[in-house]
Amino acid sequence: MLRMMRFGLTQLVVAWIGVLAAGAETFAKGLEDMPPPAKVVPENLEKAVATPAPDGLTPKPADVAPVEAPTPADTLKGEPAQDASVETTIEEAGPTERFLSENIVIGTSLNMVWPTRNGSGWKASGTGRTGSSDLLLGFNVPNSAVGLRKNKKINFKGTFRYNPVVVAGTYEGKPYRGSWDGYHAGLEGHLKYPQVKGMTAVAGVEAGLILVYLDPLDDFEKATSAESTGLIFTAHAGGDWEVAPNITLGPRVYLGFGGFQNYQLGAAANFAF
């Protein structure tokens, strides 16, 4: 009897263990077949990551203004497009600058000169031809000052001309070398000559003073009378062509008479401010 009870209890334990093992296997298989849980993504997660919340420490990026693309016309001209908001300012010339540009002219010339002084004992050596250059300052004179009405074709300039001439010769049979420095003041007329394109005819008169500076070529005492000064009156004529804005070139002929005779042929250049 006791043996039968032990056998029955043993069978009951074995059966219970089998049931537990089968349940565990079924539960494990059910876990494997179950789908994984769905991921929950916040609606504004992407925006929240792209734009961090302001914390008061991170600087805000500067606003970038849109840049206008150049127009085809600007591209063809090869010039960058200009912002219409940028104002272009042009400085006006002051009264002094305007006066100089409208009234003052400076000039110079290179010349061949035949200087003589008859009746004074001076004789030029060789052919008497020598060279010189001069410096001229001109300023506008109103037509009314010479008794004429205002005219676009003709205008006048007052002139001052410094004209040193290198000389060599003899005085009372003694050789000298030096210069005759001429200071001339006058009036010059300019007439536009339509027959020749771009040409302006020039003519004028001058009154001047010649200062003589001579050095003896031998060891002898220089005569005081050799350096006596004298007056000269000059008439001149020529033409000007404008080769660049405010720059003219042209020939000049000067004929001087009086205490000195000075025949001069050269080319002049004038420059306006």
C-alpha atoms as a PDB file:
ATOM      1  CA  MET A   1       0.000   0.000   0.000  1.00  0.00           C
ATOM      2  CA  LEU A   2       2.722   2.368   0.946  1.00  0.00           C
ATOM      3  CA  ARG A   3       4.633   1.420  -2.184  1.00  0.00           C
ATOM      4  CA  MET A   4       1.630   2.244  -4.330  1.00  0.00           C
ATOM      5  CA  MET A   5       1.229   5.672  -2.724  1.00  0.00           C
ATOM      6  CA  ARG A   6       4.883   6.507  -3.396  1.00  0.00           C
ATOM      7  CA  PHE A   7       4.531   5.434  -7.060  1.00  0.00           C
ATOM      8  CA  GLY A   8       1.406   7.585  -7.527  1.00  0.00           C
ATOM      9  CA  LEU A   9       3.049  10.642  -5.972  1.00  0.00           C
ATOM     10  CA  THR A  10       6.043  10.207  -8.216  1.00  0.00           C
ATOM     11  CA  GLN A  11       3.879  10.087 -11.318  1.00  0.00           C
ATOM     12  CA  LEU A  12       2.038  13.215 -10.194  1.00  0.00           C
ATOM     13  CA  VAL A  13       5.295  15.178  -9.777  1.00  0.00           C
ATOM     14  CA  VAL A  14       6.542  14.047 -13.206  1.00  0.00           C
ATOM     15  CA  ALA A  15       3.294  15.083 -14.845  1.00  0.00           C
ATOM     16  CA  TRP A  16       3.351  18.507 -13.148  1.00  0.00           C
ATOM     17  CA  ILE A  17       6.921  19.113 -14.256  1.00  0.00           C
ATOM     18  CA  GLY A  18       5.919  18.273 -17.866  1.00  0.00           C
ATOM     19  CA  VAL A  19       3.045  20.732 -17.720  1.00  0.00           C
ATOM     20  CA  LEU A  20       5.326  23.477 -16.420  1.00  0.00           C
ATOM     21  CA  ALA A  21       7.928  22.777 -19.114  1.00  0.00           C
ATOM     22  CA  ALA A  22       5.319  22.895 -21.902  1.00  0.00           C
ATOM     23  CA  GLY A  23       3.919  26.198 -20.591  1.00  0.00           C
ATOM     24  CA  ALA A  24       7.317  27.786 -20.398  1.00  0.00           C
ATOM     25  CA  GLU A  25       8.091  26.761 -23.988  1.00  0.00           C
ATOM     26  CA  THR A  26       4.779  28.127 -25.218  1.00  0.00           C
ATOM     27  CA  PHE A  27       5.291  31.431 -23.366  1.00  0.00           C
ATOM     28  CA  ALA A  28       8.812  31.845 -24.811  1.00  0.00           C
ATOM     29  CA  LYS A  29       7.541  31.182 -28.359  1.00  0.00           C
ATOM     30  CA  GLY A  30       4.788  33.736 -27.849  1.00  0.00           C
ATOM     31  CA  LEU A  31       7.314  36.391 -26.820  1.00  0.00           C
ATOM     32  CA  GLU A  32       9.340  35.728 -30.004  1.00  0.00           C
ATOM     33  CA  ASP A  33       6.258  36.069 -32.207  1.00  0.00           C
ATOM     34  CA  MET A  34       5.154  39.353 -30.659  1.00  0.00           C
ATOM     35  CA  PRO A  35       5.959  42.469 -32.847  1.00  0.00           C
ATOM     36  CA  PRO A  36       8.312  45.115 -31.389  1.00  0.00           C
ATOM     37  CA  PRO A  37       6.647  48.178 -29.842  1.00  0.00           C
ATOM     38  CA  ALA A  38       6.120  51.165 -32.208  1.00  0.00           C
ATOM     39  CA  LYS A  39       8.465  54.177 -31.808  1.00  0.00           C
ATOM     40  CA  VAL A  40       6.787  57.384 -30.717  1.00  0.00           C
ATOM     41  CA  VAL A  41       8.254  60.495 -32.487  1.00  0.00           C
ATOM     42  CA  PRO A  42       7.141  63.934 -31.321  1.00  0.00           C
ATOM     43  CA  GLU A  43       5.551  66.024 -34.056  1.00  0.00           C
ATOM     44  CA  ASN A  44       7.980  68.973 -33.621  1.00  0.00           C
ATOM     45  CA  LEU A  45      11.056  66.861 -32.910  1.00  0.00           C
ATOM     46  CA  GLU A  46      12.768  67.804 -36.223  1.00  0.00           C
ATOM     47  CA  LYS A  47      12.050  71.501 -35.725  1.00  0.00           C
ATOM     48  CA  ALA A  48      13.203  71.309 -32.134  1.00  0.00           C
ATOM     49  CA  VAL A  49      16.535  69.794 -33.199  1.00  0.00           C
ATOM     50  CA  ALA A  50      17.055  72.246 -36.114  1.00  0.00           C
ATOM     51  CA  THR A  51      16.293  75.341 -34.065  1.00  0.00           C
ATOM     52  CA  PRO A  52      17.672  75.208 -30.542  1.00  0.00           C
ATOM     53  CA  ALA A  53      15.719  77.031 -27.882  1.00  0.00           C
ATOM     54  CA  PRO A  54      17.181  80.426 -27.001  1.00  0.00           C
ATOM     55  CA  ASP A  55      19.121  80.267 -23.797  1.00  0.00           C
ATOM     56  CA  GLY A  56      20.318  83.899 -23.651  1.00  0.00           C
ATOM     57  CA  LEU A  57      23.943  82.838 -24.240  1.00  0.00           C
ATOM     58  CA  THR A  58      24.094  81.815 -27.896  1.00  0.00           C
ATOM     59  CA  PRO A  59      24.431  84.924 -30.189  1.00  0.00           C
ATOM     60  CA  LYS A  60      21.783  85.388 -32.820  1.00  0.00           C
ATOM     61  CA  PRO A  61      23.165  85.194 -36.395  1.00  0.00           C
ATOM     62  CA  ALA A  62      23.177  88.487 -38.318  1.00  0.00           C
ATOM     63  CA  ASP A  63      20.496  89.059 -40.901  1.00  0.00           C
ATOM     64  CA  VAL A  64      21.845  88.804 -44.455  1.00  0.00           C
ATOM     65  CA  ALA A  65      20.370  91.302 -46.912  1.00  0.00           C
ATOM     66  CA  PRO A  66      19.556  89.932 -50.348  1.00  0.00           C
ATOM     67  CA  VAL A  67      21.965  90.953 -53.128  1.00  0.00           C
ATOM     68  CA  GLU A  68      20.469  92.088 -56.416  1.00  0.00           C
ATOM     69  CA  ALA A  69      21.865  90.384 -59.477  1.00  0.00           C
ATOM     70  CA  PRO A  70      23.318  92.691 -62.184  1.00  0.00           C
ATOM     71  CA  THR A  71      21.062  93.445 -65.112  1.00  0.00           C
ATOM     72  CA  PRO A  72      22.008  92.345 -68.652  1.00  0.00           C
ATOM     73  CA  ALA A  73      22.738  95.974 -69.570  1.00  0.00           C
ATOM     74  CA  ASP A  74      25.260  96.243 -66.736  1.00  0.00           C
ATOM     75  CA  THR A  75      26.840  92.958 -67.787  1.00  0.00           C
ATOM     76  CA  LEU A  76      27.279  94.168 -71.376  1.00  0.00           C
ATOM     77  CA  LYS A  77      28.859  97.426 -70.224  1.00  0.00           C
ATOM     78  CA  GLY A  78      31.261  95.554 -67.985  1.00  0.00           C
ATOM     79  CA  GLU A  79      30.275  97.756 -65.052  1.00  0.00           C
ATOM     80  CA  PRO A  80      28.955  96.559 -61.707  1.00  0.00           C
ATOM     81  CA  ALA A  81      25.341  97.330 -60.886  1.00  0.00           C
ATOM     82  CA  GLN A  82      25.007 100.390 -58.686  1.00  0.00           C
ATOM     83  CA  ASP A  83      22.701 100.651 -55.749  1.00  0.00           C
ATOM     84  CA  ALA A  84      20.136 103.349 -56.413  1.00  0.00           C
ATOM     85  CA  SER A  85      20.282 104.334 -52.757  1.00  0.00           C
ATOM     86  CA  VAL A  86      23.909 105.498 -53.103  1.00  0.00           C
ATOM     87  CA  GLU A  87      23.981 109.167 -54.028  1.00  0.00           C
ATOM     88  CA  THR A  88      26.734 110.494 -56.285  1.00  0.00           C
ATOM     89  CA  THR A  89      28.093 113.855 -55.194  1.00  0.00           C
ATOM     90  CA  ILE A  90      30.023 116.161 -57.541  1.00  0.00           C
ATOM     91  CA  GLU A  91      32.187 118.804 -55.962  1.00  0.00           C
ATOM     92  CA  GLU A  92      31.904 122.160 -57.647  1.00  0.00           C
ATOM     93  CA  ALA A  93      35.030 124.151 -58.392  1.00  0.00           C
ATOM     94  CA  GLY A  94      35.757 126.998 -56.017  1.00  0.00           C
ATOM     95  CA  PRO A  95      35.881 130.633 -57.151  1.00  0.00           C
ATOM     96  CA  THR A  96      39.694 130.693 -57.314  1.00  0.00           C
ATOM     97  CA  GLU A  97      39.900 127.498 -59.378  1.00  0.00           C
ATOM     98  CA  ARG A  98      37.117 128.688 -61.671  1.00  0.00           C
ATOM     99  CA  PHE A  99      38.839 132.062 -62.178  1.00  0.00           C
ATOM    100  CA  LEU A 100      42.144 130.399 -63.092  1.00  0.00           C
ATOM    101  CA  SER A 101      40.546 127.901 -65.492  1.00  0.00           C
ATOM    102  CA  GLU A 102      38.570 130.611 -67.291  1.00  0.00           C
ATOM    103  CA  ASN A 103      41.151 133.393 -67.440  1.00  0.00           C
ATOM    104  CA  ILE A 104      44.800 132.303 -67.090  1.00  0.00           C
ATOM    105  CA  VAL A 105      47.104 130.786 -69.733  1.00  0.00           C
ATOM    106  CA  ILE A 106      50.806 129.936 -69.509  1.00  0.00           C
ATOM    107  CA  GLY A 107      53.057 129.251 -72.473  1.00  0.00           C
ATOM    108  CA  THR A 108      56.578 128.661 -73.680  1.00  0.00           C
ATOM    109  CA  SER A 109      58.423 128.532 -76.996  1.00  0.00           C
ATOM    110  CA  LEU A 110      61.671 127.488 -78.632  1.00  0.00           C
ATOM    111  CA  ASN A 111      63.115 129.952 -81.133  1.00  0.00           C
ATOM    112  CA  MET A 112      65.836 130.848 -83.589  1.00  0.00           C
ATOM    113  CA  VAL A 113      66.837 134.481 -83.047  1.00  0.00           C
ATOM    114  CA  TRP A 114      68.830 137.098 -84.976  1.00  0.00           C
ATOM    115  CA  PRO A 115      69.624 139.813 -82.386  1.00  0.00           C
ATOM    116  CA  THR A 116      71.347 143.046 -83.431  1.00  0.00           C
ATOM    117  CA  ARG A 117      72.028 146.453 -81.932  1.00  0.00           C
ATOM    118  CA  ASN A 118      72.854 148.960 -84.638  1.00  0.00           C
ATOM    119  CA  GLY A 119      74.706 152.194 -83.809  1.00  0.00           C
ATOM    120  CA  SER A 120      75.963 151.004 -80.420  1.00  0.00           C
ATOM    121  CA  GLY A 121      79.266 149.451 -81.408  1.00  0.00           C
ATOM    122  CA  TRP A 122      77.956 145.919 -80.949  1.00  0.00           C
ATOM    123  CA  LYS A 123      78.571 143.383 -83.729  1.00  0.00           C
ATOM    124  CA  ALA A 124      77.322 139.821 -83.533  1.00  0.00           C
ATOM    125  CA  SER A 125      79.829 137.061 -84.263  1.00  0.00           C
ATOM    126  CA  GLY A 126      79.312 134.741 -87.235  1.00  0.00           C
ATOM    127  CA  THR A 127      75.848 134.801 -88.791  1.00  0.00           C
ATOM    128  CA  GLY A 128      74.400 136.371 -85.654  1.00  0.00           C
ATOM    129  CA  ARG A 129      71.853 133.569 -85.322  1.00  0.00           C
ATOM    130  CA  THR A 130      71.381 132.165 -81.848  1.00  0.00           C
ATOM    131  CA  GLY A 131      68.751 130.391 -79.762  1.00  0.00           C
ATOM    132  CA  SER A 132      66.297 131.274 -77.042  1.00  0.00           C
ATOM    133  CA  SER A 133      63.293 130.096 -75.113  1.00  0.00           C
ATOM    134  CA  ASP A 134      60.677 132.187 -73.375  1.00  0.00           C
ATOM    135  CA  LEU A 135      58.000 131.989 -70.728  1.00  0.00           C
ATOM    136  CA  LEU A 136      54.594 133.629 -71.241  1.00  0.00           C
ATOM    137  CA  LEU A 137      51.748 134.421 -68.862  1.00  0.00           C
ATOM    138  CA  GLY A 138      48.403 135.448 -70.369  1.00  0.00           C
ATOM    139  CA  PHE A 139      45.121 136.575 -68.849  1.00  0.00           C
ATOM    140  CA  ASN A 140      41.760 137.320 -70.474  1.00  0.00           C
ATOM    141  CA  VAL A 141      40.830 140.923 -71.264  1.00  0.00           C
ATOM    142  CA  PRO A 142      37.139 141.772 -71.862  1.00  0.00           C
ATOM    143  CA  ASN A 143      36.341 142.939 -75.400  1.00  0.00           C
ATOM    144  CA  SER A 144      34.745 146.041 -73.934  1.00  0.00           C
ATOM    145  CA  ALA A 145      38.178 147.100 -72.650  1.00  0.00           C
ATOM    146  CA  VAL A 146      39.349 147.533 -76.268  1.00  0.00           C
ATOM    147  CA  GLY A 147      36.106 149.070 -77.503  1.00  0.00           C
ATOM    148  CA  LEU A 148      34.554 145.915 -78.995  1.00  0.00           C
ATOM    149  CA  ARG A 149      31.377 143.996 -78.267  1.00  0.00           C
ATOM    150  CA  LYS A 150      31.507 140.517 -76.806  1.00  0.00           C
ATOM    151  CA  ASN A 151      32.193 138.032 -79.588  1.00  0.00           C
ATOM    152  CA  LYS A 152      32.683 134.264 -79.476  1.00  0.00           C
ATOM    153  CA  LYS A 153      35.077 134.334 -82.437  1.00  0.00           C
ATOM    154  CA  ILE A 154      37.528 136.880 -81.143  1.00  0.00           C
ATOM    155  CA  ASN A 155      39.022 137.460 -77.705  1.00  0.00           C
ATOM    156  CA  PHE A 156      42.004 139.267 -76.239  1.00  0.00           C
ATOM    157  CA  LYS A 157      44.671 138.454 -73.696  1.00  0.00           C
ATOM    158  CA  GLY A 158      47.033 140.643 -71.798  1.00  0.00           C
ATOM    159  CA  THR A 159      50.519 139.089 -71.891  1.00  0.00           C
ATOM    160  CA  PHE A 160      53.773 139.217 -69.999  1.00  0.00           C
ATOM    161  CA  ARG A 161      56.734 137.458 -71.656  1.00  0.00           C
ATOM    162  CA  TYR A 162      60.237 136.787 -70.345  1.00  0.00           C
ATOM    163  CA  ASN A 163      62.605 136.205 -73.266  1.00  0.00           C
ATOM    164  CA  PRO A 164      66.350 135.711 -72.581  1.00  0.00           C
ATOM    165  CA  VAL A 165      68.575 135.541 -75.703  1.00  0.00           C
ATOM    166  CA  VAL A 166      72.113 134.148 -75.716  1.00  0.00           C
ATOM    167  CA  VAL A 167      74.512 136.464 -77.598  1.00  0.00           C
ATOM    168  CA  ALA A 168      78.149 136.475 -78.633  1.00  0.00           C
ATOM    169  CA  GLY A 169      79.985 139.285 -80.434  1.00  0.00           C
ATOM    170  CA  THR A 170      82.309 142.210 -80.100  1.00  0.00           C
ATOM    171  CA  TYR A 171      81.927 145.646 -78.601  1.00  0.00           C
ATOM    172  CA  GLU A 172      84.503 148.263 -79.589  1.00  0.00           C
ATOM    173  CA  GLY A 173      86.664 145.467 -80.970  1.00  0.00           C
ATOM    174  CA  LYS A 174      86.643 143.351 -77.775  1.00  0.00           C
ATOM    175  CA  PRO A 175      84.899 139.911 -77.642  1.00  0.00           C
ATOM    176  CA  TYR A 176      82.029 139.258 -75.257  1.00  0.00           C
ATOM    177  CA  ARG A 177      79.581 136.504 -74.490  1.00  0.00           C
ATOM    178  CA  GLY A 178      76.410 136.843 -72.456  1.00  0.00           C
ATOM    179  CA  SER A 179      72.654 137.331 -72.671  1.00  0.00           C
ATOM    180  CA  TRP A 180      70.026 139.929 -73.466  1.00  0.00           C
ATOM    181  CA  ASP A 181      67.133 139.427 -71.073  1.00  0.00           C
ATOM    182  CA  GLY A 182      63.879 140.819 -72.438  1.00  0.00           C
ATOM    183  CA  TYR A 183      60.815 141.674 -70.351  1.00  0.00           C
ATOM    184  CA  HIS A 184      57.800 142.309 -72.588  1.00  0.00           C
ATOM    185  CA  ALA A 185      54.216 143.350 -71.779  1.00  0.00           C
ATOM    186  CA  GLY A 186      51.505 143.527 -74.432  1.00  0.00           C
ATOM    187  CA  LEU A 187      48.098 142.709 -75.836  1.00  0.00           C
ATOM    188  CA  GLU A 188      47.350 139.643 -77.937  1.00  0.00           C
ATOM    189  CA  GLY A 189      44.263 138.922 -80.079  1.00  0.00           C
ATOM    190  CA  HIS A 190      42.884 135.439 -80.868  1.00  0.00           C
ATOM    191  CA  LEU A 191      40.601 134.982 -83.882  1.00  0.00           C
ATOM    192  CA  LYS A 192      39.053 131.627 -84.747  1.00  0.00           C
ATOM    193  CA  TYR A 193      39.835 130.870 -88.378  1.00  0.00           C
ATOM    194  CA  PRO A 194      37.050 128.642 -89.795  1.00  0.00           C
ATOM    195  CA  GLN A 195      38.823 128.157 -93.143  1.00  0.00           C
ATOM    196  CA  VAL A 196      41.341 125.889 -91.388  1.00  0.00           C
ATOM    197  CA  LYS A 197      39.711 123.397 -89.025  1.00  0.00           C
ATOM    198  CA  GLY A 198      40.743 123.850 -85.406  1.00  0.00           C
ATOM    199  CA  MET A 199      42.991 126.834 -86.071  1.00  0.00           C
ATOM    200  CA  THR A 200      43.044 130.114 -84.165  1.00  0.00           C
ATOM    201  CA  ALA A 201      44.959 133.036 -85.670  1.00  0.00           C
ATOM    202  CA  VAL A 202      47.122 134.957 -83.177  1.00  0.00           C
ATOM    203  CA  ALA A 203      48.584 138.476 -83.401  1.00  0.00           C
ATOM    204  CA  GLY A 204      49.838 140.947 -80.829  1.00  0.00           C
ATOM    205  CA  VAL A 205      52.066 143.877 -79.916  1.00  0.00           C
ATOM    206  CA  GLU A 206      54.469 144.338 -77.011  1.00  0.00           C
ATOM    207  CA  ALA A 207      56.632 146.963 -75.373  1.00  0.00           C
ATOM    208  CA  GLY A 208      59.706 145.718 -73.563  1.00  0.00           C
ATOM    209  CA  LEU A 209      62.943 146.432 -71.790  1.00  0.00           C
ATOM    210  CA  ILE A 210      66.230 144.654 -72.585  1.00  0.00           C
ATOM    211  CA  LEU A 211      68.776 144.134 -69.814  1.00  0.00           C
ATOM    212  CA  VAL A 212      72.285 143.257 -71.026  1.00  0.00           C
ATOM    213  CA  TYR A 213      74.655 140.893 -69.193  1.00  0.00           C
ATOM    214  CA  LEU A 214      78.066 140.340 -70.821  1.00  0.00           C
ATOM    215  CA  ASP A 215      81.310 138.659 -69.801  1.00  0.00           C
ATOM    216  CA  PRO A 216      84.620 139.464 -71.544  1.00  0.00           C
ATOM    217  CA  LEU A 217      86.386 136.528 -73.175  1.00  0.00           C
ATOM    218  CA  ASP A 218      89.882 137.967 -72.559  1.00  0.00           C
ATOM    219  CA  ASP A 219      91.507 139.496 -69.502  1.00  0.00           C
ATOM    220  CA  PHE A 220      90.471 143.073 -70.015  1.00  0.00           C
ATOM    221  CA  GLU A 221      88.292 145.464 -68.128  1.00  0.00           C
ATOM    222  CA  LYS A 222      84.682 145.351 -69.248  1.00  0.00           C
ATOM    223  CA  ALA A 223      83.360 148.623 -70.594  1.00  0.00           C
ATOM    224  CA  THR A 224      80.328 149.891 -68.670  1.00  0.00           C
ATOM    225  CA  SER A 225      78.628 151.037 -71.861  1.00  0.00           C
ATOM    226  CA  ALA A 226      78.673 147.443 -73.190  1.00  0.00           C
ATOM    227  CA  GLU A 227      75.861 146.553 -70.792  1.00  0.00           C
ATOM    228  CA  SER A 228      73.623 149.539 -71.408  1.00  0.00           C
ATOM    229  CA  THR A 229      69.894 148.718 -71.394  1.00  0.00           C
ATOM    230  CA  GLY A 230      67.392 149.707 -74.071  1.00  0.00           C
ATOM    231  CA  LEU A 231      63.760 149.642 -75.143  1.00  0.00           C
ATOM    232  CA  ILE A 232      62.257 147.367 -77.755  1.00  0.00           C
ATOM    233  CA  PHE A 233      58.837 147.269 -79.438  1.00  0.00           C
ATOM    234  CA  THR A 234      57.688 143.949 -80.868  1.00  0.00           C
ATOM    235  CA  ALA A 235      54.919 142.772 -83.181  1.00  0.00           C
ATOM    236  CA  HIS A 236      54.171 139.092 -83.543  1.00  0.00           C
ATOM    237  CA  ALA A 237      51.807 136.746 -85.390  1.00  0.00           C
ATOM    238  CA  GLY A 238      51.135 133.046 -85.659  1.00  0.00           C
ATOM    239  CA  GLY A 239      48.523 130.334 -85.195  1.00  0.00           C
ATOM    240  CA  ASP A 240      47.368 127.806 -82.619  1.00  0.00           C
ATOM    241  CA  TRP A 241      45.924 124.305 -82.964  1.00  0.00           C
ATOM    242  CA  GLU A 242      44.313 122.514 -80.024  1.00  0.00           C
ATOM    243  CA  VAL A 243      46.077 119.141 -79.784  1.00  0.00           C
ATOM    244  CA  ALA A 244      44.482 118.195 -76.431  1.00  0.00           C
ATOM    245  CA  PRO A 245      41.980 119.782 -74.048  1.00  0.00           C
ATOM    246  CA  ASN A 246      43.398 123.185 -73.002  1.00  0.00           C
ATOM    247  CA  ILE A 247      46.707 122.567 -74.850  1.00  0.00           C
ATOM    248  CA  THR A 248      47.610 124.345 -78.101  1.00  0.00           C
ATOM    249  CA  LEU A 249      50.640 124.291 -80.390  1.00  0.00           C
ATOM    250  CA  GLY A 250      51.581 126.637 -83.218  1.00  0.00           C
ATOM    251  CA  PRO A 251      54.237 128.734 -84.968  1.00  0.00           C
ATOM    252  CA  ARG A 252      55.293 132.259 -83.972  1.00  0.00           C
ATOM    253  CA  VAL A 253      57.139 135.096 -85.724  1.00  0.00           C
ATOM    254  CA  TYR A 254      58.432 138.097 -83.733  1.00  0.00           C
ATOM    255  CA  LEU A 255      59.813 141.341 -85.193  1.00  0.00           C
ATOM    256  CA  GLY A 256      61.438 143.688 -82.696  1.00  0.00           C
ATOM    257  CA  PHE A 257      62.559 147.297 -83.282  1.00  0.00           C
ATOM    258  CA  GLY A 258      63.970 150.162 -81.218  1.00  0.00           C
ATOM    259  CA  GLY A 259      67.187 150.256 -79.207  1.00  0.00           C
ATOM    260  CA  PHE A 260      67.518 146.544 -80.060  1.00  0.00           C
ATOM    261  CA  GLN A 261      66.480 144.575 -83.136  1.00  0.00           C
ATOM    262  CA  ASN A 262      65.291 141.058 -82.531  1.00  0.00           C
ATOM    263  CA  TYR A 263      63.971 138.821 -85.321  1.00  0.00           C
ATOM    264  CA  GLN A 264      62.595 135.580 -83.939  1.00  0.00           C
ATOM    265  CA  LEU A 265      61.077 132.438 -85.474  1.00  0.00           C
ATOM    266  CA  GLY A 266      59.833 129.579 -83.322  1.00  0.00           C
ATOM    267  CA  ALA A 267      57.159 127.171 -82.106  1.00  0.00           C
ATOM    268  CA  ALA A 268      54.954 127.959 -79.109  1.00  0.00           C
ATOM    269  CA  ALA A 269      52.912 125.821 -76.720  1.00  0.00           C
ATOM    270  CA  ASN A 270      50.173 127.232 -74.489  1.00  0.00           C
ATOM    271  CA  PHE A 271      48.472 125.564 -71.521  1.00  0.00           C
ATOM    272  CA  ALA A 272      45.217 126.648 -69.918  1.00  0.00           C
ATOM    273  CA  PHE A 273      44.320 125.615 -66.345  1.00  0.00           C
END
